[in-house]
Amino acid sequence: MTSDKKVQKEMRKAAESMQEASERLRSKPKRKGGIGRLLLIAIVGAVIALAVSEGARKAVLDALFGAEEEFEYTSTTSINGS
């Protein structure tokens, strides 16, 4: 009789464990990261794009500091000193 009760108890535990495992498998997995992960990927992508593309770097620098002004330098002194 004691072995029957012991077997029944173990069978009940096994059934509960299987039911719990079944419920976990059916439940949807929770999303991790969300907006934070997306933001991190966007920042890393922008840094790589700036590192690789000279045109992108120039566009960002022009937007931040204004377009580069080209100028010509003319000396007012002469080479011969006259």
C-alpha atoms as a PDB file:
ATOM      1  CA  MET A   1       0.000   0.000   0.000  1.00  0.00           C
ATOM      2  CA  THR A   2       2.753   2.459   0.784  1.00  0.00           C
ATOM      3  CA  SER A   3       4.324   1.899  -2.609  1.00  0.00           C
ATOM      4  CA  ASP A   4       0.967   2.635  -4.315  1.00  0.00           C
ATOM      5  CA  LYS A   5       0.683   5.987  -2.544  1.00  0.00           C
ATOM      6  CA  LYS A   6       4.280   6.793  -3.396  1.00  0.00           C
ATOM      7  CA  VAL A   7       3.739   5.950  -7.070  1.00  0.00           C
ATOM      8  CA  GLN A   8       0.526   7.993  -7.163  1.00  0.00           C
ATOM      9  CA  LYS A   9       2.306  10.981  -5.628  1.00  0.00           C
ATOM     10  CA  GLU A  10       5.140  10.744  -8.175  1.00  0.00           C
ATOM     11  CA  MET A  11       2.645  10.379 -11.046  1.00  0.00           C
ATOM     12  CA  ARG A  12       0.747  13.457  -9.839  1.00  0.00           C
ATOM     13  CA  LYS A  13       3.994  15.454  -9.668  1.00  0.00           C
ATOM     14  CA  ALA A  14       4.963  14.315 -13.169  1.00  0.00           C
ATOM     15  CA  ALA A  15       1.537  15.269 -14.544  1.00  0.00           C
ATOM     16  CA  GLU A  16       1.750  18.722 -12.953  1.00  0.00           C
ATOM     17  CA  SER A  17       5.235  19.235 -14.350  1.00  0.00           C
ATOM     18  CA  MET A  18       4.103  18.220 -17.846  1.00  0.00           C
ATOM     19  CA  GLN A  19       1.101  20.553 -17.629  1.00  0.00           C
ATOM     20  CA  GLU A  20       3.320  23.442 -16.533  1.00  0.00           C
ATOM     21  CA  ALA A  21       5.793  22.753 -19.356  1.00  0.00           C
ATOM     22  CA  SER A  22       2.928  22.627 -21.844  1.00  0.00           C
ATOM     23  CA  GLU A  23       1.639  26.027 -20.672  1.00  0.00           C
ATOM     24  CA  ARG A  24       5.096  27.564 -20.983  1.00  0.00           C
ATOM     25  CA  LEU A  25       5.460  26.270 -24.530  1.00  0.00           C
ATOM     26  CA  ARG A  26       2.080  27.682 -25.529  1.00  0.00           C
ATOM     27  CA  SER A  27       2.672  31.129 -24.076  1.00  0.00           C
ATOM     28  CA  LYS A  28       4.089  33.814 -26.351  1.00  0.00           C
ATOM     29  CA  PRO A  29       7.703  34.728 -25.753  1.00  0.00           C
ATOM     30  CA  LYS A  30       8.196  38.225 -24.399  1.00  0.00           C
ATOM     31  CA  ARG A  31       9.962  40.763 -26.573  1.00  0.00           C
ATOM     32  CA  LYS A  32      13.217  42.021 -25.184  1.00  0.00           C
ATOM     33  CA  GLY A  33      14.931  45.263 -26.106  1.00  0.00           C
ATOM     34  CA  GLY A  34      12.225  47.078 -28.006  1.00  0.00           C
ATOM     35  CA  ILE A  35      12.902  50.738 -28.671  1.00  0.00           C
ATOM     36  CA  GLY A  36      16.261  50.772 -26.885  1.00  0.00           C
ATOM     37  CA  ARG A  37      17.688  48.070 -29.119  1.00  0.00           C
ATOM     38  CA  LEU A  38      16.307  49.760 -32.230  1.00  0.00           C
ATOM     39  CA  LEU A  39      17.859  53.078 -31.190  1.00  0.00           C
ATOM     40  CA  LEU A  40      21.226  51.429 -30.568  1.00  0.00           C
ATOM     41  CA  ILE A  41      21.177  49.792 -34.010  1.00  0.00           C
ATOM     42  CA  ALA A  42      20.283  53.125 -35.644  1.00  0.00           C
ATOM     43  CA  ILE A  43      23.156  54.929 -33.896  1.00  0.00           C
ATOM     44  CA  VAL A  44      25.665  52.231 -34.817  1.00  0.00           C
ATOM     45  CA  GLY A  45      24.440  52.308 -38.434  1.00  0.00           C
ATOM     46  CA  ALA A  46      24.801  56.090 -38.596  1.00  0.00           C
ATOM     47  CA  VAL A  47      28.342  55.960 -37.218  1.00  0.00           C
ATOM     48  CA  ILE A  48      29.328  53.299 -39.749  1.00  0.00           C
ATOM     49  CA  ALA A  49      27.758  55.292 -42.591  1.00  0.00           C
ATOM     50  CA  LEU A  50      29.701  58.401 -41.540  1.00  0.00           C
ATOM     51  CA  ALA A  51      32.926  56.435 -41.262  1.00  0.00           C
ATOM     52  CA  VAL A  52      32.538  54.880 -44.708  1.00  0.00           C
ATOM     53  CA  SER A  53      30.998  57.654 -46.789  1.00  0.00           C
ATOM     54  CA  GLU A  54      32.855  60.909 -47.381  1.00  0.00           C
ATOM     55  CA  GLY A  55      29.718  62.454 -48.875  1.00  0.00           C
ATOM     56  CA  ALA A  56      27.722  61.682 -45.733  1.00  0.00           C
ATOM     57  CA  ARG A  57      30.451  63.183 -43.534  1.00  0.00           C
ATOM     58  CA  LYS A  58      30.516  66.355 -45.645  1.00  0.00           C
ATOM     59  CA  ALA A  59      26.713  66.663 -45.534  1.00  0.00           C
ATOM     60  CA  VAL A  60      26.652  66.308 -41.728  1.00  0.00           C
ATOM     61  CA  LEU A  61      29.507  68.766 -41.221  1.00  0.00           C
ATOM     62  CA  ASP A  62      27.850  71.280 -43.581  1.00  0.00           C
ATOM     63  CA  ALA A  63      24.577  70.936 -41.692  1.00  0.00           C
ATOM     64  CA  LEU A  64      26.273  71.403 -38.313  1.00  0.00           C
ATOM     65  CA  PHE A  65      28.828  74.111 -39.092  1.00  0.00           C
ATOM     66  CA  GLY A  66      27.694  75.586 -42.406  1.00  0.00           C
ATOM     67  CA  ALA A  67      29.191  75.121 -45.836  1.00  0.00           C
ATOM     68  CA  GLU A  68      32.929  75.502 -46.212  1.00  0.00           C
ATOM     69  CA  GLU A  69      33.984  78.764 -47.761  1.00  0.00           C
ATOM     70  CA  GLU A  70      36.758  78.570 -50.313  1.00  0.00           C
ATOM     71  CA  PHE A  71      39.131  81.472 -50.498  1.00  0.00           C
ATOM     72  CA  GLU A  72      42.263  82.408 -52.393  1.00  0.00           C
ATOM     73  CA  TYR A  73      45.272  83.771 -50.634  1.00  0.00           C
ATOM     74  CA  THR A  74      47.230  86.491 -52.362  1.00  0.00           C
ATOM     75  CA  SER A  75      50.413  87.737 -50.838  1.00  0.00           C
ATOM     76  CA  THR A  76      51.067  91.434 -50.608  1.00  0.00           C
ATOM     77  CA  THR A  77      54.798  90.938 -50.329  1.00  0.00           C
ATOM     78  CA  SER A  78      57.088  90.240 -53.228  1.00  0.00           C
ATOM     79  CA  ILE A  79      59.743  87.590 -53.499  1.00  0.00           C
ATOM     80  CA  ASN A  80      62.554  90.021 -54.462  1.00  0.00           C
ATOM     81  CA  GLY A  81      61.760  92.432 -51.672  1.00  0.00           C
ATOM     82  CA  SER A  82      61.098  95.307 -54.056  1.00  0.00           C
END
